[in-house]
C-alpha atoms as a PDB file:
ATOM      1  CA  MET A   1      46.922 158.764-159.007  1.00  0.00           C
ATOM      2  CA  ASN A   2      47.792 161.810-156.890  1.00  0.00           C
ATOM      3  CA  ILE A   3      45.531 164.718-157.825  1.00  0.00           C
ATOM      4  CA  PHE A   4      46.540 168.108-156.424  1.00  0.00           C
ATOM      5  CA  LEU A   5      44.067 170.980-156.238  1.00  0.00           C
ATOM      6  CA  THR A   6      44.869 174.669-156.074  1.00  0.00           C
ATOM      7  CA  ASN A   7      43.073 177.933-156.879  1.00  0.00           C
ATOM      8  CA  ASP A   8      43.262 181.708-156.567  1.00  0.00           C
ATOM      9  CA  ASP A   9      40.146 182.140-154.396  1.00  0.00           C
ATOM     10  CA  GLY A  10      41.784 180.706-151.283  1.00  0.00           C
ATOM     11  CA  VAL A  11      41.980 177.409-149.446  1.00  0.00           C
ATOM     12  CA  ASP A  12      38.551 177.881-147.835  1.00  0.00           C
ATOM     13  CA  ALA A  13      36.720 178.762-151.064  1.00  0.00           C
ATOM     14  CA  ASP A  14      33.589 176.807-151.957  1.00  0.00           C
ATOM     15  CA  GLY A  15      34.856 175.696-155.352  1.00  0.00           C
ATOM     16  CA  ILE A  16      38.000 173.920-154.206  1.00  0.00           C
ATOM     17  CA  ARG A  17      36.328 172.394-151.146  1.00  0.00           C
ATOM     18  CA  LYS A  18      33.404 171.014-153.157  1.00  0.00           C
ATOM     19  CA  LEU A  19      35.738 169.604-155.814  1.00  0.00           C
ATOM     20  CA  ALA A  20      37.954 167.914-153.230  1.00  0.00           C
ATOM     21  CA  GLN A  21      34.917 166.364-151.532  1.00  0.00           C
ATOM     22  CA  ALA A  22      33.493 165.061-154.817  1.00  0.00           C
ATOM     23  CA  LEU A  23      36.805 163.561-155.919  1.00  0.00           C
ATOM     24  CA  ARG A  24      37.333 161.827-152.571  1.00  0.00           C
ATOM     25  CA  LYS A  25      33.780 160.487-152.545  1.00  0.00           C
ATOM     26  CA  LYS A  26      33.572 159.255-156.153  1.00  0.00           C
ATOM     27  CA  THR A  27      37.143 158.207-157.000  1.00  0.00           C
ATOM     28  CA  GLU A  28      40.001 156.204-155.512  1.00  0.00           C
ATOM     29  CA  HIS A  29      42.559 158.938-156.195  1.00  0.00           C
ATOM     30  CA  ARG A  30      44.619 160.585-153.452  1.00  0.00           C
ATOM     31  CA  VAL A  31      43.461 164.202-153.336  1.00  0.00           C
ATOM     32  CA  VAL A  32      45.698 166.920-151.884  1.00  0.00           C
ATOM     33  CA  VAL A  33      44.743 170.597-151.620  1.00  0.00           C
ATOM     34  CA  ILE A  34      47.477 173.228-151.607  1.00  0.00           C
ATOM     35  CA  ALA A  35      46.049 176.717-152.049  1.00  0.00           C
ATOM     36  CA  PRO A  36      46.633 180.322-150.987  1.00  0.00           C
ATOM     37  CA  ASP A  37      45.604 181.286-147.466  1.00  0.00           C
ATOM     38  CA  GLY A  38      43.408 184.064-148.869  1.00  0.00           C
ATOM     39  CA  ASN A  39      42.040 185.484-152.093  1.00  0.00           C
ATOM     40  CA  ARG A  40      44.687 185.953-154.814  1.00  0.00           C
ATOM     41  CA  SER A  41      42.369 186.616-157.751  1.00  0.00           C
ATOM     42  CA  GLY A  42      43.915 188.555-160.622  1.00  0.00           C
ATOM     43  CA  THR A  43      47.512 187.869-159.591  1.00  0.00           C
ATOM     44  CA  SER A  44      48.297 185.943-162.781  1.00  0.00           C
ATOM     45  CA  ASN A  45      51.675 184.120-162.622  1.00  0.00           C
ATOM     46  CA  ALA A  46      53.130 186.113-159.704  1.00  0.00           C
ATOM     47  CA  VAL A  47      55.674 184.123-157.676  1.00  0.00           C
ATOM     48  CA  SER A  48      56.470 185.171-154.102  1.00  0.00           C
ATOM     49  CA  LEU A  49      59.252 182.585-153.827  1.00  0.00           C
ATOM     50  CA  PHE A  50      61.458 184.681-156.100  1.00  0.00           C
ATOM     51  CA  HIS A  51      61.950 187.276-153.352  1.00  0.00           C
ATOM     52  CA  THR A  52      60.647 185.923-150.044  1.00  0.00           C
ATOM     53  CA  PRO A  53      59.990 182.576-148.336  1.00  0.00           C
ATOM     54  CA  VAL A  54      56.393 181.419-148.037  1.00  0.00           C
ATOM     55  CA  LYS A  55      54.646 179.601-145.216  1.00  0.00           C
ATOM     56  CA  LEU A  56      52.840 176.261-145.548  1.00  0.00           C
ATOM     57  CA  PHE A  57      50.359 175.144-142.906  1.00  0.00           C
ATOM     58  CA  GLU A  58      48.382 171.883-142.832  1.00  0.00           C
ATOM     59  CA  VAL A  59      44.829 173.014-142.057  1.00  0.00           C
ATOM     60  CA  GLU A  60      43.672 169.399-141.906  1.00  0.00           C
ATOM     61  CA  LYS A  61      44.847 166.143-143.441  1.00  0.00           C
ATOM     62  CA  ASP A  62      45.868 166.716-147.067  1.00  0.00           C
ATOM     63  CA  ILE A  63      44.712 170.354-147.026  1.00  0.00           C
ATOM     64  CA  TRP A  64      47.536 172.902-146.996  1.00  0.00           C
ATOM     65  CA  SER A  65      47.370 176.694-146.953  1.00  0.00           C
ATOM     66  CA  CYS A  66      50.155 178.744-148.509  1.00  0.00           C
ATOM     67  CA  SER A  67      51.046 182.384-147.844  1.00  0.00           C
ATOM     68  CA  GLY A  68      52.058 182.854-151.486  1.00  0.00           C
ATOM     69  CA  HIS A  69      50.302 182.902-154.853  1.00  0.00           C
ATOM     70  CA  PRO A  70      48.747 180.087-156.914  1.00  0.00           C
ATOM     71  CA  ALA A  71      51.962 179.590-158.899  1.00  0.00           C
ATOM     72  CA  ASP A  72      53.884 179.289-155.616  1.00  0.00           C
ATOM     73  CA  CYS A  73      51.570 176.449-154.579  1.00  0.00           C
ATOM     74  CA  VAL A  74      52.401 174.552-157.754  1.00  0.00           C
ATOM     75  CA  ILE A  75      56.144 175.135-157.453  1.00  0.00           C
ATOM     76  CA  LEU A  76      56.180 174.009-153.820  1.00  0.00           C
ATOM     77  CA  ALA A  77      54.256 170.833-154.623  1.00  0.00           C
ATOM     78  CA  LEU A  78      56.450 169.913-157.567  1.00  0.00           C
ATOM     79  CA  LEU A  79      59.769 170.669-155.862  1.00  0.00           C
ATOM     80  CA  GLY A  80      59.053 168.467-152.861  1.00  0.00           C
ATOM     81  CA  ALA A  81      57.597 170.653-150.116  1.00  0.00           C
ATOM     82  CA  LEU A  82      54.933 168.011-149.401  1.00  0.00           C
ATOM     83  CA  PRO A  83      55.351 164.275-148.735  1.00  0.00           C
ATOM     84  CA  LEU A  84      54.134 163.262-152.209  1.00  0.00           C
ATOM     85  CA  LYS A  85      54.081 164.765-155.684  1.00  0.00           C
ATOM     86  CA  PRO A  86      51.194 165.268-158.101  1.00  0.00           C
ATOM     87  CA  ASP A  87      50.370 163.293-161.222  1.00  0.00           C
ATOM     88  CA  LEU A  88      47.701 165.850-162.178  1.00  0.00           C
ATOM     89  CA  PHE A  89      46.964 169.422-161.144  1.00  0.00           C
ATOM     90  CA  LEU A  90      43.421 170.800-161.108  1.00  0.00           C
ATOM     91  CA  SER A  91      43.106 174.549-160.545  1.00  0.00           C
ATOM     92  CA  GLY A  92      39.705 175.673-159.303  1.00  0.00           C
ATOM     93  CA  ILE A  93      36.825 175.487-159.376  1.00  0.00           C
ATOM     94  CA  ASN A  94      37.065 179.270-159.754  1.00  0.00           C
ATOM     95  CA  ARG A  95      34.303 181.633-158.644  1.00  0.00           C
ATOM     96  CA  GLY A  96      33.271 183.152-161.982  1.00  0.00           C
ATOM     97  CA  GLU A  97      34.365 182.626-165.545  1.00  0.00           C
ATOM     98  CA  ASN A  98      37.855 182.695-167.011  1.00  0.00           C
ATOM     99  CA  LEU A  99      37.052 183.241-170.655  1.00  0.00           C
ATOM    100  CA  GLY A 100      39.261 184.516-173.442  1.00  0.00           C
ATOM    101  CA  THR A 101      41.359 187.488-172.407  1.00  0.00           C
ATOM    102  CA  ASP A 102      40.654 186.794-168.714  1.00  0.00           C
ATOM    103  CA  LEU A 103      43.474 184.234-168.869  1.00  0.00           C
ATOM    104  CA  ILE A 104      46.033 187.063-168.910  1.00  0.00           C
ATOM    105  CA  TYR A 105      45.051 188.039-165.361  1.00  0.00           C
ATOM    106  CA  SER A 106      43.740 184.800-163.886  1.00  0.00           C
ATOM    107  CA  GLY A 107      45.600 183.145-161.030  1.00  0.00           C
ATOM    108  CA  THR A 108      43.513 180.043-161.704  1.00  0.00           C
ATOM    109  CA  ALA A 109      44.851 179.786-165.235  1.00  0.00           C
ATOM    110  CA  ALA A 110      48.363 180.707-164.085  1.00  0.00           C
ATOM    111  CA  ALA A 111      48.520 177.774-161.663  1.00  0.00           C
ATOM    112  CA  ALA A 112      47.630 175.373-164.477  1.00  0.00           C
ATOM    113  CA  ARG A 113      50.161 177.082-166.741  1.00  0.00           C
ATOM    114  CA  GLN A 114      52.892 176.719-164.095  1.00  0.00           C
ATOM    115  CA  ALA A 115      52.170 173.018-163.608  1.00  0.00           C
ATOM    116  CA  SER A 116      52.307 172.346-167.332  1.00  0.00           C
ATOM    117  CA  PHE A 117      55.514 174.389-167.610  1.00  0.00           C
ATOM    118  CA  MET A 118      56.996 171.988-165.049  1.00  0.00           C
ATOM    119  CA  GLY A 119      55.798 168.953-166.969  1.00  0.00           C
ATOM    120  CA  VAL A 120      52.621 167.934-165.122  1.00  0.00           C
ATOM    121  CA  PRO A 121      49.209 167.735-166.841  1.00  0.00           C
ATOM    122  CA  ALA A 122      46.977 170.563-165.667  1.00  0.00           C
ATOM    123  CA  VAL A 123      43.387 171.707-166.042  1.00  0.00           C
ATOM    124  CA  ALA A 124      42.004 175.116-165.029  1.00  0.00           C
ATOM    125  CA  LEU A 125      38.335 174.965-163.977  1.00  0.00           C
ATOM    126  CA  SER A 126      35.871 177.842-163.637  1.00  0.00           C
ATOM    127  CA  LEU A 127      32.157 178.168-162.916  1.00  0.00           C
ATOM    128  CA  ALA A 128      30.927 180.793-165.366  1.00  0.00           C
ATOM    129  CA  GLY A 129      28.307 182.780-163.502  1.00  0.00           C
ATOM    130  CA  HIS A 130      27.490 185.153-160.676  1.00  0.00           C
ATOM    131  CA  GLY A 131      24.973 185.318-157.865  1.00  0.00           C
ATOM    132  CA  ILE A 132      23.901 181.881-156.626  1.00  0.00           C
ATOM    133  CA  LEU A 133      26.566 179.455-157.843  1.00  0.00           C
ATOM    134  CA  HIS A 134      25.803 175.766-158.281  1.00  0.00           C
ATOM    135  CA  TRP A 135      28.992 174.288-156.841  1.00  0.00           C
ATOM    136  CA  ASP A 136      27.708 170.750-156.343  1.00  0.00           C
ATOM    137  CA  MET A 137      26.630 170.549-159.976  1.00  0.00           C
ATOM    138  CA  ALA A 138      29.995 171.826-161.210  1.00  0.00           C
ATOM    139  CA  ALA A 139      32.065 169.543-158.975  1.00  0.00           C
ATOM    140  CA  ALA A 140      30.012 166.490-159.941  1.00  0.00           C
ATOM    141  CA  TRP A 141      30.358 167.355-163.623  1.00  0.00           C
ATOM    142  CA  VAL A 142      34.145 167.616-163.350  1.00  0.00           C
ATOM    143  CA  VAL A 143      34.450 164.265-161.582  1.00  0.00           C
ATOM    144  CA  ASP A 144      32.167 162.555-164.111  1.00  0.00           C
ATOM    145  CA  HIS A 145      34.192 163.929-167.044  1.00  0.00           C
ATOM    146  CA  LEU A 146      37.693 163.923-165.575  1.00  0.00           C
ATOM    147  CA  GLU A 147      39.183 161.474-168.077  1.00  0.00           C
ATOM    148  CA  GLU A 148      37.672 163.361-171.011  1.00  0.00           C
ATOM    149  CA  LEU A 149      39.047 166.674-169.761  1.00  0.00           C
ATOM    150  CA  THR A 150      42.567 165.386-169.184  1.00  0.00           C
ATOM    151  CA  ALA A 151      42.555 163.816-172.659  1.00  0.00           C
ATOM    152  CA  PHE A 152      42.668 167.350-174.088  1.00  0.00           C
ATOM    153  CA  TRP A 153      46.012 167.996-172.377  1.00  0.00           C
ATOM    154  CA  ARG A 154      49.200 167.879-174.396  1.00  0.00           C
ATOM    155  CA  LYS A 155      52.795 168.759-173.616  1.00  0.00           C
ATOM    156  CA  ASP A 156      53.500 172.492-173.255  1.00  0.00           C
ATOM    157  CA  SER A 157      49.831 173.370-172.830  1.00  0.00           C
ATOM    158  CA  PHE A 158      47.104 173.484-170.217  1.00  0.00           C
ATOM    159  CA  VAL A 159      43.373 172.894-170.515  1.00  0.00           C
ATOM    160  CA  ASN A 160      41.007 175.761-169.707  1.00  0.00           C
ATOM    161  CA  VAL A 161      37.453 174.736-168.813  1.00  0.00           C
ATOM    162  CA  ASN A 162      34.404 176.926-168.161  1.00  0.00           C
ATOM    163  CA  ILE A 163      31.219 175.342-166.818  1.00  0.00           C
ATOM    164  CA  PRO A 164      27.920 177.218-167.280  1.00  0.00           C
ATOM    165  CA  ASN A 165      26.199 178.029-163.990  1.00  0.00           C
ATOM    166  CA  SER A 166      23.054 176.077-164.827  1.00  0.00           C
ATOM    167  CA  PRO A 167      21.056 174.391-162.020  1.00  0.00           C
ATOM    168  CA  GLY A 168      20.348 171.402-164.234  1.00  0.00           C
ATOM    169  CA  GLY A 169      23.914 171.172-165.503  1.00  0.00           C
ATOM    170  CA  PRO A 170      25.334 171.841-168.964  1.00  0.00           C
ATOM    171  CA  GLU A 171      23.877 170.283-172.100  1.00  0.00           C
ATOM    172  CA  GLY A 172      27.251 169.061-173.324  1.00  0.00           C
ATOM    173  CA  MET A 173      30.793 170.217-173.991  1.00  0.00           C
ATOM    174  CA  GLN A 174      32.561 171.775-176.945  1.00  0.00           C
ATOM    175  CA  GLU A 175      36.151 172.590-177.793  1.00  0.00           C
ATOM    176  CA  ALA A 176      36.457 176.346-178.203  1.00  0.00           C
ATOM    177  CA  TRP A 177      38.926 179.046-179.103  1.00  0.00           C
ATOM    178  CA  LEU A 178      39.673 181.956-176.742  1.00  0.00           C
ATOM    179  CA  ALA A 179      37.608 185.079-177.362  1.00  0.00           C
ATOM    180  CA  VAL A 180      38.916 188.627-177.091  1.00  0.00           C
ATOM    181  CA  LYS A 181      37.005 190.512-174.378  1.00  0.00           C
ATOM    182  CA  THR A 182      36.617 194.251-173.922  1.00  0.00           C
ATOM    183  CA  TYR A 183      37.022 195.715-170.420  1.00  0.00           C
ATOM    184  CA  TYR A 184      35.445 198.980-169.302  1.00  0.00           C
ATOM    185  CA  ASP A 185      37.780 200.043-166.514  1.00  0.00           C
ATOM    186  CA  GLU A 186      37.814 203.469-164.908  1.00  0.00           C
ATOM    187  CA  LEU A 187      40.363 204.920-162.524  1.00  0.00           C
ATOM    188  CA  SER A 188      39.342 206.977-159.506  1.00  0.00           C
ATOM    189  CA  VAL A 189      42.067 209.053-157.855  1.00  0.00           C
ATOM    190  CA  VAL A 190      41.790 210.606-154.387  1.00  0.00           C
ATOM    191  CA  ASN A 191      44.384 213.199-153.343  1.00  0.00           C
ATOM    192  CA  THR A 192      45.280 213.281-149.649  1.00  0.00           C
ATOM    193  CA  SER A 193      46.702 215.997-147.418  1.00  0.00           C
ATOM    194  CA  ASP A 194      50.165 214.417-147.317  1.00  0.00           C
ATOM    195  CA  GLY A 195      50.499 214.612-151.097  1.00  0.00           C
ATOM    196  CA  SER A 196      49.718 210.938-151.729  1.00  0.00           C
ATOM    197  CA  ARG A 197      47.269 209.715-154.336  1.00  0.00           C
ATOM    198  CA  TRP A 198      44.991 206.756-153.649  1.00  0.00           C
ATOM    199  CA  CYS A 199      43.998 205.052-156.877  1.00  0.00           C
ATOM    200  CA  PHE A 200      40.978 202.767-157.266  1.00  0.00           C
ATOM    201  CA  LEU A 201      40.173 200.699-160.354  1.00  0.00           C
ATOM    202  CA  GLN A 202      36.468 200.444-161.082  1.00  0.00           C
ATOM    203  CA  GLY A 203      34.370 199.311-163.979  1.00  0.00           C
ATOM    204  CA  GLU A 204      31.864 196.903-165.378  1.00  0.00           C
ATOM    205  CA  PRO A 205      32.717 193.262-166.134  1.00  0.00           C
ATOM    206  CA  GLY A 206      34.311 192.690-169.518  1.00  0.00           C
ATOM    207  CA  ALA A 207      31.946 192.397-172.446  1.00  0.00           C
ATOM    208  CA  GLN A 208      31.879 188.823-173.685  1.00  0.00           C
ATOM    209  CA  ALA A 209      32.613 188.684-177.377  1.00  0.00           C
ATOM    210  CA  LYS A 210      30.328 185.925-178.625  1.00  0.00           C
ATOM    211  CA  GLN A 211      31.956 185.136-181.948  1.00  0.00           C
ATOM    212  CA  LYS A 212      30.728 181.755-183.102  1.00  0.00           C
ATOM    213  CA  ASP A 213      32.462 178.839-181.382  1.00  0.00           C
ATOM    214  CA  SER A 214      34.554 181.056-179.095  1.00  0.00           C
ATOM    215  CA  ASP A 215      34.592 180.062-175.434  1.00  0.00           C
ATOM    216  CA  CYS A 216      32.220 182.948-174.638  1.00  0.00           C
ATOM    217  CA  ASP A 217      29.782 181.758-177.286  1.00  0.00           C
ATOM    218  CA  VAL A 218      29.968 178.130-176.196  1.00  0.00           C
ATOM    219  CA  VAL A 219      29.221 178.923-172.533  1.00  0.00           C
ATOM    220  CA  SER A 220      26.322 181.197-173.531  1.00  0.00           C
ATOM    221  CA  ARG A 221      24.723 178.124-175.161  1.00  0.00           C
ATOM    222  CA  ASN A 222      24.887 176.148-171.891  1.00  0.00           C
ATOM    223  CA  LEU A 223      27.822 174.067-173.066  1.00  0.00           C
ATOM    224  CA  VAL A 224      31.112 173.557-171.233  1.00  0.00           C
ATOM    225  CA  SER A 225      33.901 175.284-173.137  1.00  0.00           C
ATOM    226  CA  ILE A 226      37.211 173.427-173.376  1.00  0.00           C
ATOM    227  CA  SER A 227      40.305 175.170-174.715  1.00  0.00           C
ATOM    228  CA  THR A 228      43.804 173.728-174.963  1.00  0.00           C
ATOM    229  CA  VAL A 229      46.088 176.713-174.370  1.00  0.00           C
ATOM    230  CA  ASP A 230      49.753 176.720-175.442  1.00  0.00           C
ATOM    231  CA  ILE A 231      52.032 177.987-172.673  1.00  0.00           C
ATOM    232  CA  TYR A 232      54.691 179.347-175.042  1.00  0.00           C
ATOM    233  CA  PRO A 233      54.069 182.142-177.553  1.00  0.00           C
ATOM    234  CA  ALA A 234      54.792 181.418-181.168  1.00  0.00           C
ATOM    235  CA  LEU A 235      58.486 181.983-181.856  1.00  0.00           C
ATOM    236  CA  ARG A 236      59.495 184.112-184.813  1.00  0.00           C
ATOM    237  CA  THR A 237      61.916 182.332-187.160  1.00  0.00           C
END
């Protein structure tokens, strides 16, 4: 099987490098990385290819950097920019959680959404924590549970996975629904002498709504949250 990895943290990020290493060491799958050449966090489903060409560069064998966004990486891979095509897309492992409402903004989730939209099974992976992040634990957990995770995938959906940042690893996994999070954003505006306004968005991380069995609640109990997310909104009839 050809497993393609992408992310929104960039091709050199710890999460994607550790995951690629673990997959190559513990499985017989062909592993190809195609990821942005820098951080694209919070870019959601932005696509550079709609208005400008993007550059691909092979950093080393089977590791490609892309000047576009996470969704561009998926489109390029599926439309033949590389010598082979994916059977499965893994997006991540992301630095920090993608829980509930975070999926609106997440480039990690958007890459998985784009792959599923184009008919390829896709799983978005995030390490839910800050400070010292236990990448080796998370990558090993994903490899050990890869078949279980992909079993949650169904047509017109993607699988969103959040792994608690626990040194000893999670205590299990649980299917969860997406929580609604509250964000406390503040805008700072600086006026300059030429009449311009520089605007800076600041604020605390979103409050995690821990309603029972939501993804926020599940992760807070040191369990991996698994959510199958439909890529189309419900249509009114």
